[in-house]
Amino acid sequence: MLDTSLDWYRVILKRSAGRLLPIASLPQGFSFVMFQPGDEESWAEIETSVLEFNSKEVALEYFIKSYLLYMSEVKLRTLFIQSADGERVATFTAWWKYTGIRRHPFVQWVAVKPQYQGLGLGKALIAEGVRHMINIEGDQIMYVPTSTWAYKAIKLYKWAGFELELNEDAPGGYKNQTVQALELIRDRI
């Protein structure tokens, strides 16, 4: 869950090429599945459950406008964790941003429904997602844009080999406020 009690600043993390891949297994009864048409509803539900959007309808509208135009890419780049009964409980989207100079691989969205947090799903999701991104993009620099509100996730990204990016002003076009953010969250990450 996001901690909206903090001032919001953009935090950028970067994973360099050649880093060791993180390893984490899914707990019994869970499995990875790739996006299929209709899963946009599950994506919206998951992202809304962690307070990334104010409503499922707003999340769904965002997903449709941002991703469904690229259905073949969405099917390749969006994965879920599902429970034994088939419920989608977590999601990871491996996307990119163009700057006019180069294409930057980005971890766009990572979320685990609150009732499933604390089971190791986040670690397994990020480990699988990083591995999946390398399979798609090759072993190159990849980024995660996040915020002070998601400081708990920053710990997981650091575990997966990402480091706080303190020098690049706007990788992939995202304004980098990591230096300012550290003043608020240094003792929490």
Protein backbone atom coordinates (compact mmCIF):
# COMPACT_ATOMS: atom_id res chain seq x y z
CA MET A 1 0.00 0.00 0.00
CA LEU A 2 1.12 3.52 -0.67
CA ASP A 3 1.95 5.81 2.23
CA THR A 4 0.22 9.02 1.14
CA SER A 5 1.11 10.75 4.42
CA LEU A 6 4.50 11.66 2.90
CA ASP A 7 5.17 14.43 0.41
CA TRP A 8 5.25 12.92 -3.08
CA TYR A 9 8.54 12.88 -5.00
CA ARG A 10 9.52 10.79 -8.01
CA VAL A 11 12.22 8.21 -7.25
CA ILE A 12 14.17 6.61 -10.09
CA LEU A 13 16.03 3.36 -9.68
CA LYS A 14 18.39 1.86 -12.26
CA ARG A 15 19.63 -1.69 -12.78
CA SER A 16 22.87 -1.97 -14.72
CA ALA A 17 23.56 -4.64 -17.29
CA GLY A 18 25.34 -7.74 -16.03
CA ARG A 19 23.95 -7.69 -12.50
CA LEU A 20 23.16 -11.05 -10.95
CA LEU A 21 19.56 -12.05 -11.40
CA PRO A 22 17.45 -12.07 -8.25
CA ILE A 23 16.05 -15.45 -7.24
CA ALA A 24 12.76 -15.99 -5.45
CA SER A 25 10.14 -18.70 -5.80
CA LEU A 26 6.39 -18.41 -5.71
CA PRO A 27 4.66 -19.91 -2.69
CA GLN A 28 2.75 -23.12 -3.32
CA GLY A 29 -0.64 -22.58 -4.97
CA PHE A 30 0.42 -19.53 -7.01
CA SER A 31 1.59 -19.37 -10.62
CA PHE A 32 2.69 -16.85 -13.23
CA VAL A 33 0.44 -16.19 -16.21
CA MET A 34 0.77 -13.76 -19.09
CA PHE A 35 -1.82 -11.14 -20.01
CA GLN A 36 -4.78 -12.29 -22.08
CA PRO A 37 -7.56 -10.07 -23.49
CA GLY A 38 -9.93 -9.30 -20.64
CA ASP A 39 -7.15 -9.20 -18.03
CA GLU A 40 -7.25 -5.41 -18.15
CA GLU A 41 -10.08 -5.71 -15.59
CA SER A 42 -7.80 -7.64 -13.23
CA TRP A 43 -4.96 -5.18 -13.78
CA ALA A 44 -7.25 -2.27 -12.90
CA GLU A 45 -8.53 -4.07 -9.81
CA ILE A 46 -5.03 -4.87 -8.57
CA GLU A 47 -3.65 -1.36 -9.16
CA THR A 48 -6.69 0.24 -7.52
CA SER A 49 -6.35 -2.05 -4.49
CA VAL A 50 -2.89 -0.57 -3.76
CA LEU A 51 -4.20 3.00 -4.20
CA GLU A 52 -2.45 3.77 -7.50
CA PHE A 53 -5.84 4.89 -8.85
CA ASN A 54 -8.91 6.31 -7.12
CA SER A 55 -11.25 3.86 -8.82
CA LYS A 56 -11.18 0.74 -10.92
CA GLU A 57 -12.88 2.67 -13.74
CA VAL A 58 -10.09 5.27 -13.83
CA ALA A 59 -7.44 2.53 -13.78
CA LEU A 60 -9.20 0.65 -16.57
CA GLU A 61 -9.46 3.80 -18.68
CA TYR A 62 -5.74 4.44 -18.17
CA PHE A 63 -4.81 0.88 -19.16
CA ILE A 64 -7.00 0.96 -22.27
CA LYS A 65 -5.58 4.30 -23.46
CA SER A 66 -1.96 3.52 -22.57
CA TYR A 67 -1.59 -0.14 -23.44
CA LEU A 68 -4.42 -1.85 -25.30
CA LEU A 69 -3.49 -0.09 -28.54
CA TYR A 70 -0.42 -2.35 -28.43
CA MET A 71 -2.12 -5.68 -27.74
CA SER A 72 0.76 -7.87 -28.94
CA GLU A 73 3.15 -5.93 -26.69
CA VAL A 74 0.79 -6.06 -23.70
CA LYS A 75 0.51 -9.84 -24.09
CA LEU A 76 4.31 -10.06 -24.16
CA ARG A 77 5.05 -7.56 -21.39
CA THR A 78 2.35 -7.87 -18.72
CA LEU A 79 2.41 -10.77 -16.34
CA PHE A 80 0.30 -11.73 -13.37
CA ILE A 81 0.49 -13.99 -10.38
CA GLN A 82 -2.67 -15.99 -10.00
CA SER A 83 -3.92 -17.92 -7.00
CA ALA A 84 -4.94 -21.58 -7.15
CA ASP A 85 -8.53 -20.55 -7.88
CA GLY A 86 -7.44 -18.43 -10.88
CA GLU A 87 -7.74 -15.00 -9.25
CA ARG A 88 -5.16 -12.51 -10.52
CA VAL A 89 -3.53 -11.19 -7.33
CA ALA A 90 -0.40 -9.36 -8.55
CA THR A 91 0.88 -7.77 -11.74
CA PHE A 92 4.12 -6.61 -13.40
CA THR A 93 4.36 -4.57 -16.60
CA ALA A 94 7.68 -4.38 -18.49
CA TRP A 95 7.38 -1.41 -20.83
CA TRP A 96 9.62 1.26 -22.31
CA LYS A 97 9.91 5.01 -22.80
CA TYR A 98 11.33 6.73 -25.87
CA THR A 99 13.31 9.95 -25.46
CA GLY A 100 14.05 10.59 -29.11
CA ILE A 101 17.59 9.40 -28.48
CA ARG A 102 17.04 5.86 -27.27
CA ARG A 103 14.48 3.46 -25.91
CA HIS A 104 14.67 2.99 -22.14
CA PRO A 105 13.34 -0.31 -20.69
CA PHE A 106 11.14 0.49 -17.70
CA VAL A 107 9.38 -1.51 -15.04
CA GLN A 108 6.10 0.40 -15.36
CA TRP A 109 3.72 -1.18 -12.85
CA VAL A 110 4.21 -3.66 -10.01
CA ALA A 111 1.48 -4.38 -7.48
CA VAL A 112 0.29 -7.12 -5.14
CA LYS A 113 -3.22 -6.97 -3.68
CA PRO A 114 -2.98 -5.99 0.00
CA GLN A 115 -4.52 -9.24 1.29
CA TYR A 116 -1.72 -11.18 -0.48
CA GLN A 117 1.19 -8.99 0.65
CA GLY A 118 3.70 -10.52 3.05
CA LEU A 119 3.65 -13.94 1.35
CA GLY A 120 6.75 -13.42 -0.79
CA LEU A 121 4.78 -12.66 -3.94
CA GLY A 122 6.44 -9.26 -4.46
CA LYS A 123 9.94 -10.74 -4.46
CA ALA A 124 8.92 -13.56 -6.77
CA LEU A 125 7.13 -11.12 -9.08
CA ILE A 126 10.07 -8.74 -9.33
CA ALA A 127 12.57 -11.59 -9.82
CA GLU A 128 10.46 -13.09 -12.60
CA GLY A 129 9.73 -9.66 -14.09
CA VAL A 130 13.43 -8.71 -14.27
CA ARG A 131 14.24 -12.06 -15.86
CA HIS A 132 11.38 -11.57 -18.31
CA MET A 133 12.56 -8.05 -19.21
CA ILE A 134 16.06 -9.34 -19.93
CA ASN A 135 14.57 -12.00 -22.20
CA ILE A 136 12.64 -9.30 -24.10
CA GLU A 137 15.12 -6.41 -24.13
CA GLY A 138 18.47 -8.11 -23.59
CA ASP A 139 20.68 -7.53 -20.58
CA GLN A 140 20.85 -3.75 -20.55
CA ILE A 141 20.15 -0.85 -18.23
CA MET A 142 16.56 -0.83 -17.01
CA TYR A 143 14.73 1.66 -14.83
CA VAL A 144 11.92 1.79 -12.29
CA PRO A 145 10.03 5.02 -11.70
CA THR A 146 8.41 5.02 -8.28
CA SER A 147 7.80 7.53 -5.51
CA THR A 148 8.29 8.34 -1.87
CA TRP A 149 4.79 6.94 -1.30
CA ALA A 150 6.06 3.50 -2.38
CA TYR A 151 9.17 3.41 -0.19
CA LYS A 152 8.43 -0.20 0.85
CA ALA A 153 8.73 -1.28 -2.79
CA ILE A 154 12.09 0.49 -3.08
CA LYS A 155 13.54 -2.11 -0.69
CA LEU A 156 12.41 -4.88 -3.05
CA TYR A 157 13.85 -3.13 -6.09
CA LYS A 158 17.17 -2.68 -4.30
CA TRP A 159 17.11 -6.39 -3.40
CA ALA A 160 16.66 -7.11 -7.14
CA GLY A 161 19.80 -5.17 -8.08
CA PHE A 162 18.36 -1.72 -8.74
CA GLU A 163 20.16 1.28 -7.32
CA LEU A 164 18.90 4.77 -6.60
CA GLU A 165 19.65 6.96 -9.62
CA LEU A 166 21.06 10.22 -8.33
CA ASN A 167 22.63 11.69 -11.48
CA GLU A 168 20.36 11.41 -14.52
CA ASP A 169 17.91 14.31 -14.68
CA ALA A 170 15.09 12.63 -16.58
CA PRO A 171 15.67 9.04 -17.75
CA GLY A 172 12.92 8.07 -20.14
CA GLY A 173 11.41 11.53 -19.68
CA TYR A 174 10.61 11.01 -15.98
CA LYS A 175 11.69 13.94 -13.82
CA ASN A 176 14.15 12.52 -11.32
CA GLN A 177 13.57 13.77 -7.76
CA THR A 178 15.48 11.00 -6.00
CA VAL A 179 17.83 13.39 -4.17
CA GLN A 180 14.89 15.32 -2.69
CA ALA A 181 13.04 12.08 -1.93
CA LEU A 182 15.96 10.71 0.06
CA GLU A 183 15.53 13.48 2.61
CA LEU A 184 12.12 11.95 3.45
CA ILE A 185 12.72 8.22 3.10
CA ARG A 186 16.42 7.53 3.74
CA ASP A 187 15.67 5.93 7.13
CA ARG A 188 12.83 3.83 5.67
CA ILE A 189 14.68 2.16 2.81
